[in-house]
PDB file of N, CA and C in Angstrom:
ATOM      1  N   MET A   1       2.583 -10.609   8.111  1.00  0.00           N
ATOM      2  CA  MET A   1       3.145  -9.448   7.450  1.00  0.00           C
ATOM      3  C   MET A   1       3.524  -8.449   8.544  1.00  0.00           C
ATOM      4  N   SER A   2       4.753  -8.551   8.997  1.00  0.00           N
ATOM      5  CA  SER A   2       5.150  -7.705  10.124  1.00  0.00           C
ATOM      6  C   SER A   2       5.597  -6.306   9.705  1.00  0.00           C
ATOM      7  N   HIS A   3       6.290  -6.196   8.599  1.00  0.00           N
ATOM      8  CA  HIS A   3       6.773  -4.904   8.101  1.00  0.00           C
ATOM      9  C   HIS A   3       6.696  -4.920   6.575  1.00  0.00           C
ATOM     10  N   PRO A   4       5.515  -4.654   6.017  1.00  0.00           N
ATOM     11  CA  PRO A   4       5.329  -4.755   4.572  1.00  0.00           C
ATOM     12  C   PRO A   4       6.231  -3.807   3.797  1.00  0.00           C
ATOM     13  N   LYS A   5       6.608  -4.268   2.585  1.00  0.00           N
ATOM     14  CA  LYS A   5       7.489  -3.474   1.733  1.00  0.00           C
ATOM     15  C   LYS A   5       6.966  -3.515   0.293  1.00  0.00           C
ATOM     16  N   LYS A   6       7.019  -2.361  -0.366  1.00  0.00           N
ATOM     17  CA  LYS A   6       6.583  -2.267  -1.765  1.00  0.00           C
ATOM     18  C   LYS A   6       7.466  -3.146  -2.652  1.00  0.00           C
ATOM     19  N   SER A   7       6.854  -3.700  -3.687  1.00  0.00           N
ATOM     20  CA  SER A   7       7.592  -4.456  -4.685  1.00  0.00           C
ATOM     21  C   SER A   7       8.560  -3.526  -5.414  1.00  0.00           C
ATOM     22  N   GLN A   8       9.666  -4.065  -5.870  1.00  0.00           N
ATOM     23  CA  GLN A   8      10.698  -3.269  -6.535  1.00  0.00           C
ATOM     24  C   GLN A   8      10.379  -2.975  -8.002  1.00  0.00           C
ATOM     25  N   SER A   9       9.409  -3.680  -8.600  1.00  0.00           N
ATOM     26  CA  SER A   9       9.146  -3.527 -10.033  1.00  0.00           C
ATOM     27  C   SER A   9       8.010  -2.534 -10.312  1.00  0.00           C
ATOM     28  N   LEU A  10       7.842  -1.538  -9.447  1.00  0.00           N
ATOM     29  CA  LEU A  10       6.718  -0.618  -9.568  1.00  0.00           C
ATOM     30  C   LEU A  10       7.164   0.785  -9.946  1.00  0.00           C
ATOM     31  N   HIS A  11       6.278   1.456 -10.669  1.00  0.00           N
ATOM     32  CA  HIS A  11       6.435   2.878 -10.966  1.00  0.00           C
ATOM     33  C   HIS A  11       5.185   3.554 -10.412  1.00  0.00           C
ATOM     34  N   VAL A  12       5.360   4.628  -9.646  1.00  0.00           N
ATOM     35  CA  VAL A  12       4.244   5.269  -8.946  1.00  0.00           C
ATOM     36  C   VAL A  12       4.101   6.720  -9.415  1.00  0.00           C
ATOM     37  N   GLU A  13       2.852   7.120  -9.667  1.00  0.00           N
ATOM     38  CA  GLU A  13       2.556   8.501 -10.053  1.00  0.00           C
ATOM     39  C   GLU A  13       1.320   8.987  -9.313  1.00  0.00           C
ATOM     40  N   ASN A  14       1.346  10.248  -8.889  1.00  0.00           N
ATOM     41  CA  ASN A  14       0.172  10.883  -8.286  1.00  0.00           C
ATOM     42  C   ASN A  14      -0.702  11.441  -9.388  1.00  0.00           C
ATOM     43  N   LEU A  15      -1.990  11.111  -9.343  1.00  0.00           N
ATOM     44  CA  LEU A  15      -2.962  11.654 -10.287  1.00  0.00           C
ATOM     45  C   LEU A  15      -4.132  12.208  -9.480  1.00  0.00           C
ATOM     46  N   GLY A  16      -4.079  13.486  -9.188  1.00  0.00           N
ATOM     47  CA  GLY A  16      -5.117  14.075  -8.345  1.00  0.00           C
ATOM     48  C   GLY A  16      -5.031  13.493  -6.953  1.00  0.00           C
ATOM     49  N   GLU A  17      -6.143  12.994  -6.453  1.00  0.00           N
ATOM     50  CA  GLU A  17      -6.178  12.393  -5.117  1.00  0.00           C
ATOM     51  C   GLU A  17      -5.839  10.907  -5.139  1.00  0.00           C
ATOM     52  N   GLU A  18      -5.692  10.344  -6.327  1.00  0.00           N
ATOM     53  CA  GLU A  18      -5.391   8.926  -6.437  1.00  0.00           C
ATOM     54  C   GLU A  18      -3.906   8.709  -6.733  1.00  0.00           C
ATOM     55  N   LEU A  19      -3.483   7.504  -6.490  1.00  0.00           N
ATOM     56  CA  LEU A  19      -2.109   7.106  -6.760  1.00  0.00           C
ATOM     57  C   LEU A  19      -2.167   6.005  -7.817  1.00  0.00           C
ATOM     58  N   SER A  20      -1.469   6.186  -8.914  1.00  0.00           N
ATOM     59  CA  SER A  20      -1.404   5.159  -9.949  1.00  0.00           C
ATOM     60  C   SER A  20      -0.111   4.383  -9.773  1.00  0.00           C
ATOM     61  N   VAL A  21      -0.246   3.073  -9.741  1.00  0.00           N
ATOM     62  CA  VAL A  21       0.898   2.196  -9.546  1.00  0.00           C
ATOM     63  C   VAL A  21       0.998   1.276 -10.756  1.00  0.00           C
ATOM     64  N   TYR A  22       2.110   1.364 -11.463  1.00  0.00           N
ATOM     65  CA  TYR A  22       2.357   0.531 -12.634  1.00  0.00           C
ATOM     66  C   TYR A  22       3.315  -0.585 -12.253  1.00  0.00           C
ATOM     67  N   ASP A  23       2.894  -1.804 -12.485  1.00  0.00           N
ATOM     68  CA  ASP A  23       3.731  -2.968 -12.216  1.00  0.00           C
ATOM     69  C   ASP A  23       4.347  -3.401 -13.541  1.00  0.00           C
ATOM     70  N   TRP A  24       5.607  -3.031 -13.751  1.00  0.00           N
ATOM     71  CA  TRP A  24       6.281  -3.315 -15.012  1.00  0.00           C
ATOM     72  C   TRP A  24       6.488  -4.804 -15.218  1.00  0.00           C
ATOM     73  N   GLN A  25       6.682  -5.542 -14.166  1.00  0.00           N
ATOM     74  CA  GLN A  25       6.924  -6.975 -14.285  1.00  0.00           C
ATOM     75  C   GLN A  25       5.662  -7.713 -14.756  1.00  0.00           C
ATOM     76  N   ARG A  26       4.498  -7.333 -14.257  1.00  0.00           N
ATOM     77  CA  ARG A  26       3.247  -8.006 -14.600  1.00  0.00           C
ATOM     78  C   ARG A  26       2.438  -7.256 -15.667  1.00  0.00           C
ATOM     79  N   LEU A  27       2.942  -6.074 -16.068  1.00  0.00           N
ATOM     80  CA  LEU A  27       2.268  -5.235 -17.055  1.00  0.00           C
ATOM     81  C   LEU A  27       0.835  -4.916 -16.639  1.00  0.00           C
ATOM     82  N   GLN A  28       0.706  -4.455 -15.387  1.00  0.00           N
ATOM     83  CA  GLN A  28      -0.595  -4.094 -14.838  1.00  0.00           C
ATOM     84  C   GLN A  28      -0.532  -2.707 -14.232  1.00  0.00           C
ATOM     85  N   MET A  29      -1.693  -2.032 -14.219  1.00  0.00           N
ATOM     86  CA  MET A  29      -1.806  -0.715 -13.608  1.00  0.00           C
ATOM     87  C   MET A  29      -2.884  -0.788 -12.532  1.00  0.00           C
ATOM     88  N   HIS A  30      -2.611  -0.149 -11.406  1.00  0.00           N
ATOM     89  CA  HIS A  30      -3.555  -0.114 -10.289  1.00  0.00           C
ATOM     90  C   HIS A  30      -3.768   1.327  -9.876  1.00  0.00           C
ATOM     91  N   SER A  31      -5.001   1.673  -9.552  1.00  0.00           N
ATOM     92  CA  SER A  31      -5.325   3.010  -9.075  1.00  0.00           C
ATOM     93  C   SER A  31      -5.753   2.882  -7.614  1.00  0.00           C
ATOM     94  N   LEU A  32      -5.033   3.555  -6.726  1.00  0.00           N
ATOM     95  CA  LEU A  32      -5.302   3.451  -5.294  1.00  0.00           C
ATOM     96  C   LEU A  32      -6.023   4.694  -4.802  1.00  0.00           C
ATOM     97  N   ASN A  33      -7.065   4.475  -3.996  1.00  0.00           N
ATOM     98  CA  ASN A  33      -7.758   5.612  -3.386  1.00  0.00           C
ATOM     99  C   ASN A  33      -6.845   6.247  -2.343  1.00  0.00           C
ATOM    100  N   PRO A  34      -7.192   7.426  -1.839  1.00  0.00           N
ATOM    101  CA  PRO A  34      -6.290   8.125  -0.910  1.00  0.00           C
ATOM    102  C   PRO A  34      -5.878   7.308   0.318  1.00  0.00           C
ATOM    103  N   THR A  35      -6.790   6.555   0.902  1.00  0.00           N
ATOM    104  CA  THR A  35      -6.448   5.779   2.096  1.00  0.00           C
ATOM    105  C   THR A  35      -5.489   4.644   1.750  1.00  0.00           C
ATOM    106  N   ALA A  36      -5.798   3.900   0.694  1.00  0.00           N
ATOM    107  CA  ALA A  36      -4.906   2.808   0.274  1.00  0.00           C
ATOM    108  C   ALA A  36      -3.551   3.360  -0.139  1.00  0.00           C
ATOM    109  N   ALA A  37      -3.552   4.519  -0.771  1.00  0.00           N
ATOM    110  CA  ALA A  37      -2.297   5.156  -1.181  1.00  0.00           C
ATOM    111  C   ALA A  37      -1.444   5.512   0.030  1.00  0.00           C
ATOM    112  N   THR A  38      -2.087   6.015   1.066  1.00  0.00           N
ATOM    113  CA  THR A  38      -1.358   6.365   2.286  1.00  0.00           C
ATOM    114  C   THR A  38      -0.724   5.129   2.913  1.00  0.00           C
ATOM    115  N   VAL A  39      -1.488   4.043   2.979  1.00  0.00           N
ATOM    116  CA  VAL A  39      -0.959   2.788   3.528  1.00  0.00           C
ATOM    117  C   VAL A  39       0.188   2.301   2.641  1.00  0.00           C
ATOM    118  N   PHE A  40      -0.002   2.309   1.333  1.00  0.00           N
ATOM    119  CA  PHE A  40       1.021   1.855   0.390  1.00  0.00           C
ATOM    120  C   PHE A  40       2.315   2.644   0.566  1.00  0.00           C
ATOM    121  N   GLU A  41       2.211   3.947   0.700  1.00  0.00           N
ATOM    122  CA  GLU A  41       3.393   4.796   0.855  1.00  0.00           C
ATOM    123  C   GLU A  41       4.165   4.465   2.137  1.00  0.00           C
ATOM    124  N   MET A  42       3.472   3.962   3.149  1.00  0.00           N
ATOM    125  CA  MET A  42       4.136   3.606   4.407  1.00  0.00           C
ATOM    126  C   MET A  42       4.786   2.219   4.364  1.00  0.00           C
ATOM    127  N   CYS A  43       4.587   1.483   3.273  1.00  0.00           N
ATOM    128  CA  CYS A  43       5.161   0.133   3.145  1.00  0.00           C
ATOM    129  C   CYS A  43       6.628   0.241   2.758  1.00  0.00           C
ATOM    130  N   ASP A  44       7.443   0.521   3.754  1.00  0.00           N
ATOM    131  CA  ASP A  44       8.873   0.741   3.539  1.00  0.00           C
ATOM    132  C   ASP A  44       9.741  -0.392   4.079  1.00  0.00           C
ATOM    133  N   GLY A  45       9.116  -1.433   4.602  1.00  0.00           N
ATOM    134  CA  GLY A  45       9.870  -2.543   5.173  1.00  0.00           C
ATOM    135  C   GLY A  45      10.292  -2.312   6.608  1.00  0.00           C
ATOM    136  N   GLU A  46       9.982  -1.131   7.137  1.00  0.00           N
ATOM    137  CA  GLU A  46      10.359  -0.802   8.514  1.00  0.00           C
ATOM    138  C   GLU A  46       9.161  -0.444   9.390  1.00  0.00           C
ATOM    139  N   THR A  47       8.046  -0.072   8.761  1.00  0.00           N
ATOM    140  CA  THR A  47       6.865   0.366   9.500  1.00  0.00           C
ATOM    141  C   THR A  47       5.886  -0.791   9.641  1.00  0.00           C
ATOM    142  N   SER A  48       5.478  -1.078  10.861  1.00  0.00           N
ATOM    143  CA  SER A  48       4.540  -2.171  11.115  1.00  0.00           C
ATOM    144  C   SER A  48       3.111  -1.707  10.832  1.00  0.00           C
ATOM    145  N   PRO A  49       2.195  -2.637  10.603  1.00  0.00           N
ATOM    146  CA  PRO A  49       0.793  -2.262  10.414  1.00  0.00           C
ATOM    147  C   PRO A  49       0.229  -1.470  11.605  1.00  0.00           C
ATOM    148  N   GLU A  50       0.662  -1.802  12.789  1.00  0.00           N
ATOM    149  CA  GLU A  50       0.198  -1.077  13.970  1.00  0.00           C
ATOM    150  C   GLU A  50       0.664   0.377  13.935  1.00  0.00           C
ATOM    151  N   GLN A  51       1.916   0.590  13.513  1.00  0.00           N
ATOM    152  CA  GLN A  51       2.439   1.953  13.382  1.00  0.00           C
ATOM    153  C   GLN A  51       1.697   2.715  12.289  1.00  0.00           C
ATOM    154  N   MET A  52       1.380   2.024  11.198  1.00  0.00           N
ATOM    155  CA  MET A  52       0.611   2.647  10.115  1.00  0.00           C
ATOM    156  C   MET A  52      -0.739   3.120  10.630  1.00  0.00           C
ATOM    157  N   ALA A  53      -1.415   2.263  11.376  1.00  0.00           N
ATOM    158  CA  ALA A  53      -2.739   2.605  11.905  1.00  0.00           C
ATOM    159  C   ALA A  53      -2.677   3.824  12.810  1.00  0.00           C
ATOM    160  N   SER A  54      -1.611   3.945  13.582  1.00  0.00           N
ATOM    161  CA  SER A  54      -1.492   5.085  14.490  1.00  0.00           C
ATOM    162  C   SER A  54      -1.312   6.402  13.734  1.00  0.00           C
ATOM    163  N   LYS A  55      -0.869   6.317  12.474  1.00  0.00           N
ATOM    164  CA  LYS A  55      -0.652   7.519  11.670  1.00  0.00           C
ATOM    165  C   LYS A  55      -1.868   7.892  10.828  1.00  0.00           C
ATOM    166  N   LEU A  56      -2.850   6.986  10.727  1.00  0.00           N
ATOM    167  CA  LEU A  56      -4.052   7.272   9.944  1.00  0.00           C
ATOM    168  C   LEU A  56      -5.069   8.022  10.782  1.00  0.00           C
ATOM    169  N   ASP A  57      -5.672   9.015  10.199  1.00  0.00           N
ATOM    170  CA  ASP A  57      -6.727   9.773  10.874  1.00  0.00           C
ATOM    171  C   ASP A  57      -8.067   9.322  10.308  1.00  0.00           C
ATOM    172  N   THR A  58      -8.437   8.098  10.668  1.00  0.00           N
ATOM    173  CA  THR A  58      -9.672   7.518  10.163  1.00  0.00           C
ATOM    174  C   THR A  58     -10.255   6.568  11.198  1.00  0.00           C
ATOM    175  N   PRO A  59     -11.586   6.467  11.250  1.00  0.00           N
ATOM    176  CA  PRO A  59     -12.195   5.505  12.178  1.00  0.00           C
ATOM    177  C   PRO A  59     -11.766   4.080  11.813  1.00  0.00           C
ATOM    178  N   GLN A  60     -11.646   3.252  12.808  1.00  0.00           N
ATOM    179  CA  GLN A  60     -11.285   1.845  12.600  1.00  0.00           C
ATOM    180  C   GLN A  60      -9.958   1.725  11.848  1.00  0.00           C
ATOM    181  N   ALA A  61      -8.989   2.551  12.197  1.00  0.00           N
ATOM    182  CA  ALA A  61      -7.726   2.646  11.457  1.00  0.00           C
ATOM    183  C   ALA A  61      -7.023   1.297  11.306  1.00  0.00           C
ATOM    184  N   GLU A  62      -6.994   0.503  12.356  1.00  0.00           N
ATOM    185  CA  GLU A  62      -6.274  -0.767  12.262  1.00  0.00           C
ATOM    186  C   GLU A  62      -6.942  -1.704  11.259  1.00  0.00           C
ATOM    187  N   ALA A  63      -8.260  -1.770  11.264  1.00  0.00           N
ATOM    188  CA  ALA A  63      -8.974  -2.607  10.298  1.00  0.00           C
ATOM    189  C   ALA A  63      -8.760  -2.097   8.873  1.00  0.00           C
ATOM    190  N   VAL A  64      -8.743  -0.790   8.707  1.00  0.00           N
ATOM    191  CA  VAL A  64      -8.510  -0.186   7.392  1.00  0.00           C
ATOM    192  C   VAL A  64      -7.115  -0.544   6.883  1.00  0.00           C
ATOM    193  N   VAL A  65      -6.129  -0.476   7.745  1.00  0.00           N
ATOM    194  CA  VAL A  65      -4.752  -0.824   7.351  1.00  0.00           C
ATOM    195  C   VAL A  65      -4.678  -2.283   6.924  1.00  0.00           C
ATOM    196  N   TRP A  66      -5.232  -3.173   7.718  1.00  0.00           N
ATOM    197  CA  TRP A  66      -5.158  -4.599   7.390  1.00  0.00           C
ATOM    198  C   TRP A  66      -5.900  -4.918   6.096  1.00  0.00           C
ATOM    199  N   GLN A  67      -7.050  -4.275   5.876  1.00  0.00           N
ATOM    200  CA  GLN A  67      -7.791  -4.486   4.635  1.00  0.00           C
ATOM    201  C   GLN A  67      -6.983  -3.970   3.437  1.00  0.00           C
ATOM    202  N   SER A  68      -6.400  -2.790   3.595  1.00  0.00           N
ATOM    203  CA  SER A  68      -5.581  -2.220   2.525  1.00  0.00           C
ATOM    204  C   SER A  68      -4.389  -3.112   2.217  1.00  0.00           C
ATOM    205  N   LEU A  69      -3.710  -3.602   3.243  1.00  0.00           N
ATOM    206  CA  LEU A  69      -2.558  -4.486   3.043  1.00  0.00           C
ATOM    207  C   LEU A  69      -2.978  -5.782   2.340  1.00  0.00           C
ATOM    208  N   ALA A  70      -4.136  -6.313   2.694  1.00  0.00           N
ATOM    209  CA  ALA A  70      -4.619  -7.536   2.049  1.00  0.00           C
ATOM    210  C   ALA A  70      -4.853  -7.297   0.559  1.00  0.00           C
ATOM    211  N   GLU A  71      -5.447  -6.148   0.231  1.00  0.00           N
ATOM    212  CA  GLU A  71      -5.697  -5.820  -1.179  1.00  0.00           C
ATOM    213  C   GLU A  71      -4.388  -5.564  -1.931  1.00  0.00           C
ATOM    214  N   LEU A  72      -3.454  -4.874  -1.300  1.00  0.00           N
ATOM    215  CA  LEU A  72      -2.162  -4.617  -1.935  1.00  0.00           C
ATOM    216  C   LEU A  72      -1.402  -5.922  -2.177  1.00  0.00           C
ATOM    217  N   GLU A  73      -1.473  -6.826  -1.211  1.00  0.00           N
ATOM    218  CA  GLU A  73      -0.806  -8.120  -1.359  1.00  0.00           C
ATOM    219  C   GLU A  73      -1.466  -8.936  -2.468  1.00  0.00           C
ATOM    220  N   LYS A  74      -2.789  -8.926  -2.518  1.00  0.00           N
ATOM    221  CA  LYS A  74      -3.533  -9.647  -3.550  1.00  0.00           C
ATOM    222  C   LYS A  74      -3.157  -9.126  -4.945  1.00  0.00           C
ATOM    223  N   ALA A  75      -2.939  -7.825  -5.064  1.00  0.00           N
ATOM    224  CA  ALA A  75      -2.557  -7.210  -6.345  1.00  0.00           C
ATOM    225  C   ALA A  75      -1.057  -7.394  -6.630  1.00  0.00           C
ATOM    226  N   LYS A  76      -0.357  -8.047  -5.716  1.00  0.00           N
ATOM    227  CA  LYS A  76       1.085  -8.324  -5.842  1.00  0.00           C
ATOM    228  C   LYS A  76       1.920  -7.032  -5.891  1.00  0.00           C
ATOM    229  N   LEU A  77       1.496  -6.049  -5.111  1.00  0.00           N
ATOM    230  CA  LEU A  77       2.233  -4.792  -5.032  1.00  0.00           C
ATOM    231  C   LEU A  77       3.208  -4.769  -3.861  1.00  0.00           C
ATOM    232  N   LEU A  78       3.196  -5.829  -3.057  1.00  0.00           N
ATOM    233  CA  LEU A  78       4.092  -5.917  -1.905  1.00  0.00           C
ATOM    234  C   LEU A  78       5.034  -7.107  -2.073  1.00  0.00           C
ATOM    235  N   GLU A  79       6.230  -6.982  -1.521  1.00  0.00           N
ATOM    236  CA  GLU A  79       7.171  -8.098  -1.528  1.00  0.00           C
ATOM    237  C   GLU A  79       6.696  -9.137  -0.528  1.00  0.00           C
ATOM    238  N   VAL A  80       6.892 -10.397  -0.862  1.00  0.00           N
ATOM    239  CA  VAL A  80       6.499 -11.485   0.027  1.00  0.00           C
ATOM    240  C   VAL A  80       7.608 -11.712   1.033  1.00  0.00           C
ATOM    241  N   ASP A  81       7.209 -11.843   2.333  1.00  0.00           N
ATOM    242  CA  ASP A  81       8.196 -12.089   3.405  1.00  0.00           C
ATOM    243  C   ASP A  81       8.895 -13.404   3.211  1.00  0.00           C
TER     244      ASP A  81
END
């Protein structure tokens, strides 16, 4: 996953500190915590995981990014390369 990109069938809403992501194609709703939401928002198809980690202000940023991307991919919120 060199430059992850959000799936096109999603509707996104901010609810407090969380991000709600509705997948219209699969009829599923996902609630992302602030860190996962930040990673998700950076999934524009142009930003690499390494670049994402450099923008996070959190310990173990690279591991956090990769874990978040794995969860987002598992939930089918990212386009497959």
